[in-house]
N, C-alpha and C. Protein backbone atom coordinates (compact mmCIF):
# COMPACT_ATOMS: atom_id res chain seq x y z
N MET A 1 96.74 32.37 -15.20
CA MET A 1 97.84 33.02 -16.42
C MET A 1 98.23 33.77 -15.98
N SER A 2 98.97 34.92 -14.73
CA SER A 2 99.07 34.73 -13.72
C SER A 2 100.51 34.80 -13.33
N ASN A 3 100.52 33.40 -12.95
CA ASN A 3 101.14 32.56 -12.85
C ASN A 3 102.23 32.41 -13.78
N ILE A 4 101.35 32.08 -14.75
CA ILE A 4 102.03 31.52 -16.10
C ILE A 4 103.21 32.86 -16.85
N ALA A 5 102.70 33.91 -16.60
CA ALA A 5 102.79 35.72 -17.01
C ALA A 5 104.09 35.91 -16.40
N GLU A 6 104.16 35.66 -14.73
CA GLU A 6 105.42 35.61 -13.32
C GLU A 6 106.46 34.93 -13.70
N GLY A 7 105.98 33.21 -13.64
CA GLY A 7 106.87 32.50 -13.82
C GLY A 7 107.97 33.09 -15.17
N PHE A 8 107.53 33.13 -16.49
CA PHE A 8 107.73 33.74 -17.40
C PHE A 8 108.90 34.72 -17.43
N GLU A 9 108.56 36.13 -17.14
CA GLU A 9 108.69 37.25 -16.17
C GLU A 9 110.76 36.43 -15.51
N ARG A 10 109.83 35.63 -14.55
CA ARG A 10 111.17 35.76 -14.06
C ARG A 10 112.15 35.30 -14.55
N GLY A 11 112.95 34.90 -16.00
CA GLY A 11 113.38 34.65 -16.83
C GLY A 11 114.40 33.30 -16.99
N THR A 12 114.02 32.36 -16.30
CA THR A 12 114.56 30.98 -16.42
C THR A 12 113.73 30.30 -16.45
N LYS A 13 114.41 29.26 -17.17
CA LYS A 13 112.69 27.64 -17.34
C LYS A 13 113.05 26.93 -16.20
N ALA A 14 113.35 26.86 -15.37
CA ALA A 14 113.12 26.46 -13.60
C ALA A 14 112.32 27.67 -13.29
N ASP A 15 112.00 28.57 -13.56
CA ASP A 15 110.84 29.10 -12.65
C ASP A 15 109.84 28.92 -12.81
N LEU A 16 109.98 29.30 -15.15
CA LEU A 16 108.49 29.63 -15.71
C LEU A 16 108.29 27.87 -15.31
N LEU A 17 108.84 26.71 -15.68
CA LEU A 17 107.76 25.65 -14.57
C LEU A 17 107.97 25.38 -13.73
N ASN A 18 108.14 25.76 -13.03
CA ASN A 18 107.91 25.94 -11.21
C ASN A 18 106.74 26.17 -11.20
N PHE A 19 105.97 27.99 -12.11
CA PHE A 19 105.45 28.97 -12.03
C PHE A 19 103.95 27.67 -12.94
N LEU A 20 104.39 27.10 -13.61
CA LEU A 20 103.35 25.98 -14.73
C LEU A 20 103.03 25.56 -13.73
N PHE A 21 104.15 24.36 -12.56
CA PHE A 21 103.21 23.32 -12.02
C PHE A 21 102.38 23.62 -10.40
N ILE A 22 102.04 25.40 -10.68
CA ILE A 22 101.77 26.29 -9.67
C ILE A 22 100.32 26.64 -9.76
N ALA A 23 100.25 26.73 -11.31
CA ALA A 23 99.23 27.15 -12.22
C ALA A 23 98.97 25.97 -12.01
N ARG A 24 98.97 24.56 -12.28
CA ARG A 24 98.29 23.22 -12.38
C ARG A 24 97.98 23.37 -10.88
N GLY A 25 98.23 22.81 -10.60
CA GLY A 25 97.69 22.92 -9.06
C GLY A 25 96.59 23.72 -8.51
N SER A 26 96.59 25.41 -9.42
CA SER A 26 95.38 26.21 -8.51
C SER A 26 94.33 24.99 -9.35
N ALA A 27 94.34 24.46 -10.28
CA ALA A 27 93.15 24.00 -11.19
C ALA A 27 93.06 22.75 -10.87
N GLY A 28 93.79 22.74 -9.52
CA GLY A 28 93.28 21.12 -8.81
C GLY A 28 92.00 21.76 -7.77
N GLU A 29 93.00 23.30 -6.74
CA GLU A 29 92.16 24.26 -5.72
C GLU A 29 90.50 24.13 -7.02
N VAL A 30 90.59 24.78 -7.68
CA VAL A 30 89.05 25.03 -8.51
C VAL A 30 88.79 23.53 -8.76
N ARG A 31 89.23 22.47 -8.59
CA ARG A 31 88.28 21.07 -8.47
C ARG A 31 87.72 20.82 -7.35
N ALA A 32 88.68 21.26 -6.81
CA ALA A 32 88.07 21.33 -4.82
C ALA A 32 87.05 21.63 -4.51
N GLN A 33 87.07 23.43 -5.27
CA GLN A 33 86.30 24.02 -5.18
C GLN A 33 84.78 23.70 -5.01
N LEU A 34 84.87 23.24 -6.69
CA LEU A 34 83.48 23.15 -7.28
C LEU A 34 83.10 21.82 -6.58
N TYR A 35 83.23 21.03 -6.59
CA TYR A 35 82.68 20.13 -4.88
C TYR A 35 82.60 21.10 -3.76
N VAL A 36 82.83 21.20 -3.61
CA VAL A 36 82.62 22.60 -2.70
C VAL A 36 81.03 23.17 -2.30
N ALA A 37 81.16 24.53 -3.91
CA ALA A 37 79.68 24.57 -4.04
C ALA A 37 78.85 23.82 -4.37
N ARG A 38 79.43 22.78 -5.17
CA ARG A 38 77.99 21.37 -5.56
C ARG A 38 77.29 20.99 -4.47
N ASP A 39 78.00 20.30 -3.45
CA ASP A 39 78.01 20.41 -2.18
C ASP A 39 76.79 20.59 -1.84
N LEU A 40 77.12 21.94 -0.64
CA LEU A 40 76.25 23.16 -0.20
C LEU A 40 75.57 24.14 -0.92
N GLY A 41 75.08 23.31 -2.70
CA GLY A 41 74.49 23.39 -3.46
C GLY A 41 74.30 25.03 -3.84
N TYR A 42 75.56 25.89 -3.95
CA TYR A 42 75.69 27.20 -5.43
C TYR A 42 75.35 27.01 -6.16
N ILE A 43 76.04 25.52 -6.91
CA ILE A 43 75.89 25.29 -8.29
C ILE A 43 75.06 24.02 -8.54
N THR A 44 74.29 23.80 -9.55
CA THR A 44 74.20 21.98 -10.17
C THR A 44 74.62 21.48 -10.83
N GLU A 45 74.29 20.12 -10.00
CA GLU A 45 75.27 19.23 -11.53
C GLU A 45 75.68 19.41 -12.45
N GLY A 46 74.45 20.04 -13.09
CA GLY A 46 74.77 20.09 -14.87
C GLY A 46 75.90 21.39 -14.56
N GLU A 47 75.88 22.37 -13.92
CA GLU A 47 77.35 23.32 -13.94
C GLU A 47 78.13 22.52 -13.42
N PHE A 48 77.97 22.42 -12.19
CA PHE A 48 79.19 21.12 -11.46
C PHE A 48 79.71 20.57 -13.04
N THR A 49 78.95 19.65 -13.82
CA THR A 49 79.41 18.78 -14.77
C THR A 49 80.50 20.06 -15.56
N GLU A 50 79.72 20.73 -16.27
CA GLU A 50 80.44 21.59 -17.27
C GLU A 50 82.35 22.24 -17.30
N VAL A 51 81.39 22.34 -15.81
CA VAL A 51 83.32 23.58 -15.08
C VAL A 51 83.84 22.21 -14.73
N SER A 52 83.48 21.55 -14.65
CA SER A 52 84.97 20.55 -14.37
C SER A 52 85.34 19.84 -15.47
N ARG A 53 84.82 20.27 -16.44
CA ARG A 53 85.30 19.05 -17.62
C ARG A 53 85.54 20.41 -17.91
N SER A 54 86.25 21.58 -18.29
CA SER A 54 86.97 22.73 -18.74
C SER A 54 88.05 23.14 -17.51
N VAL A 55 87.66 22.98 -16.49
CA VAL A 55 88.93 22.67 -15.17
C VAL A 55 89.73 22.14 -15.72
N GLU A 56 89.40 20.39 -16.43
CA GLU A 56 90.12 19.36 -16.40
C GLU A 56 91.73 19.69 -17.23
N GLU A 57 90.09 19.94 -18.67
CA GLU A 57 90.87 19.91 -20.10
C GLU A 57 91.90 21.45 -19.52
N VAL A 58 91.34 22.44 -19.24
CA VAL A 58 92.91 23.22 -18.76
C VAL A 58 94.34 22.56 -18.17
N SER A 59 94.19 21.86 -16.91
CA SER A 59 94.89 21.38 -16.56
C SER A 59 95.63 20.51 -17.62
N ARG A 60 94.83 19.52 -17.96
CA ARG A 60 95.95 18.97 -19.32
C ARG A 60 96.74 19.94 -20.44
N VAL A 61 95.95 20.74 -20.66
CA VAL A 61 96.81 21.81 -21.12
C VAL A 61 97.63 22.01 -21.04
N LEU A 62 97.86 22.55 -19.46
CA LEU A 62 99.14 22.98 -18.38
C LEU A 62 100.33 21.64 -19.23
N TYR A 63 99.61 20.80 -18.68
CA TYR A 63 100.22 19.85 -18.77
C TYR A 63 101.52 19.69 -19.65
N ALA A 64 101.00 19.17 -20.98
CA ALA A 64 101.32 19.53 -22.23
C ALA A 64 102.00 20.63 -22.31
N PHE A 65 101.80 21.60 -21.77
CA PHE A 65 102.89 23.27 -21.80
C PHE A 65 103.90 22.57 -20.75
N ILE A 66 104.11 21.71 -19.94
CA ILE A 66 105.12 21.64 -18.82
C ILE A 66 106.03 20.59 -19.74
N GLN A 67 105.72 19.57 -20.06
CA GLN A 67 105.87 18.83 -21.08
C GLN A 67 106.55 19.54 -21.85
N SER A 68 106.59 20.01 -23.11
CA SER A 68 106.58 20.96 -23.94
C SER A 68 108.35 21.97 -23.66
N VAL A 69 108.11 22.86 -22.50
CA VAL A 69 108.94 23.84 -21.97
C VAL A 69 110.15 23.13 -21.38
N GLN A 70 109.75 22.06 -20.52
CA GLN A 70 110.69 20.72 -20.29
C GLN A 70 111.57 20.28 -21.18
N ASN A 71 111.23 19.57 -22.49
CA ASN A 71 111.62 18.58 -23.59
C ASN A 71 112.38 20.02 -24.54
N SER A 72 112.04 20.88 -24.58
CA SER A 72 112.66 22.20 -25.15
C SER A 72 113.97 23.17 -24.75
N GLN A 73 114.44 23.33 -26.27
CA GLN A 73 115.65 23.98 -25.87
C GLN A 73 115.65 25.17 -25.24
N TYR A 74 114.62 25.95 -24.73
CA TYR A 74 114.64 27.09 -24.06
C TYR A 74 114.99 27.28 -22.83
N ALA A 75 115.69 28.75 -22.46
CA ALA A 75 116.64 28.51 -21.06
C ALA A 75 116.54 29.52 -21.02
N GLY A 76 115.71 29.73 -20.86
CA GLY A 76 115.04 31.19 -20.49
C GLY A 76 115.87 32.87 -21.05
N LEU A 77 115.22 33.73 -20.08
CA LEU A 77 115.41 35.22 -20.76
C LEU A 77 116.60 36.06 -19.98
N GLN A 78 117.41 35.16 -18.85
CA GLN A 78 117.78 35.57 -18.50
C GLN A 78 118.94 35.17 -19.11
N ARG A 79 118.89 34.03 -19.68
CA ARG A 79 120.17 33.24 -20.61
C ARG A 79 121.20 34.65 -22.10
N LYS A 80 120.10 35.37 -22.20
CA LYS A 80 120.65 36.02 -23.73
C LYS A 80 121.12 37.37 -23.06
N LYS A 81 121.60 37.48 -24.23
CA LYS A 81 122.96 38.72 -23.96
C LYS A 81 122.26 39.87 -23.85
N ILE A 82 121.36 39.53 -25.46
CA ILE A 82 120.69 41.33 -25.93
C ILE A 82 119.72 41.67 -24.85
N ILE A 83 119.59 42.89 -25.02
CA ILE A 83 118.67 43.38 -23.31
C ILE A 83 117.74 43.66 -24.38
N LYS A 84 116.12 43.58 -24.24
CA LYS A 84 115.29 43.85 -25.51
C LYS A 84 113.86 44.61 -24.95
N SER A 85 113.31 45.63 -24.85
CA SER A 85 111.65 46.01 -24.82
C SER A 85 110.81 45.63 -24.31
N PRO A 86 109.94 46.16 -23.72
CA PRO A 86 108.90 44.86 -23.13
C PRO A 86 108.25 44.35 -24.07
N GLU A 87 108.08 45.16 -24.80
CA GLU A 87 107.16 45.20 -26.05
C GLU A 87 107.89 43.65 -26.84
N GLU A 88 109.05 43.82 -26.84
CA GLU A 88 109.82 42.95 -27.72
C GLU A 88 109.55 41.74 -27.31
N GLU A 89 110.55 41.96 -25.57
CA GLU A 89 109.83 40.44 -25.02
C GLU A 89 108.57 40.28 -25.13
N ALA A 90 107.57 40.96 -25.05
CA ALA A 90 105.77 39.97 -24.56
C ALA A 90 105.92 39.57 -26.46
N ARG A 91 106.49 39.63 -27.60
CA ARG A 91 106.08 39.05 -28.39
C ARG A 91 106.66 38.29 -28.95
N GLU A 92 107.98 38.04 -28.61
CA GLU A 92 109.00 37.04 -28.44
C GLU A 92 107.95 36.02 -27.59
N MET A 93 107.26 36.05 -26.74
CA MET A 93 106.99 35.34 -25.32
C MET A 93 105.55 34.89 -26.60
N ARG A 94 104.91 35.57 -26.90
CA ARG A 94 103.92 35.31 -27.84
C ARG A 94 103.96 34.58 -28.75
N ASP A 95 105.13 34.71 -29.22
CA ASP A 95 105.46 33.47 -31.14
C ASP A 95 105.95 32.58 -30.14
N TRP A 96 106.70 32.04 -29.09
CA TRP A 96 107.27 31.04 -27.89
C TRP A 96 106.09 30.05 -28.06
N ILE A 97 105.09 30.76 -26.93
CA ILE A 97 103.92 29.55 -26.72
C ILE A 97 103.12 29.19 -27.94
N GLU A 98 102.93 30.45 -28.95
CA GLU A 98 102.50 29.64 -30.57
C GLU A 98 103.52 28.20 -30.88
N GLN A 99 104.47 28.79 -30.40
CA GLN A 99 105.92 27.86 -30.73
C GLN A 99 105.37 25.99 -29.94
N LEU A 100 105.61 26.64 -28.63
CA LEU A 100 104.51 25.19 -27.79
C LEU A 100 103.35 24.70 -28.21
N LYS A 101 102.24 25.17 -28.65
CA LYS A 101 100.98 24.89 -28.53
C LYS A 101 101.41 24.26 -29.50
N GLY A 102 102.24 24.38 -30.78
CA GLY A 102 102.16 23.87 -31.64
C GLY A 102 103.30 22.57 -32.01
N ASP A 103 104.28 22.37 -30.78
CA ASP A 103 104.00 21.08 -30.24
C ASP A 103 103.30 20.68 -29.36
N ALA A 104 102.60 20.37 -28.91
CA ALA A 104 101.99 20.16 -28.04
C ALA A 104 101.13 18.79 -28.85
């Protein structure tokens, strides 16, 4: 979530995509650590399976989000001429994410 927020705040489509890919890479890291935790006996096979499925779903959602951004007309906040308050920016970000969810 922090990577997505940072990418959005950077203000360009390219930065957002970069940070979305970083977030997806982090999901891969979590999957790798799950194998370590299971192999060392820190989690059960059932816990491993449950969390692995959740992480795989997050990775799929991130990939769909990446595709939506790549295919969108969104150019980034730096391309806009109007300065907005942080509250307006947050509202716009929420609206835009909801729109992308609908496209995925």
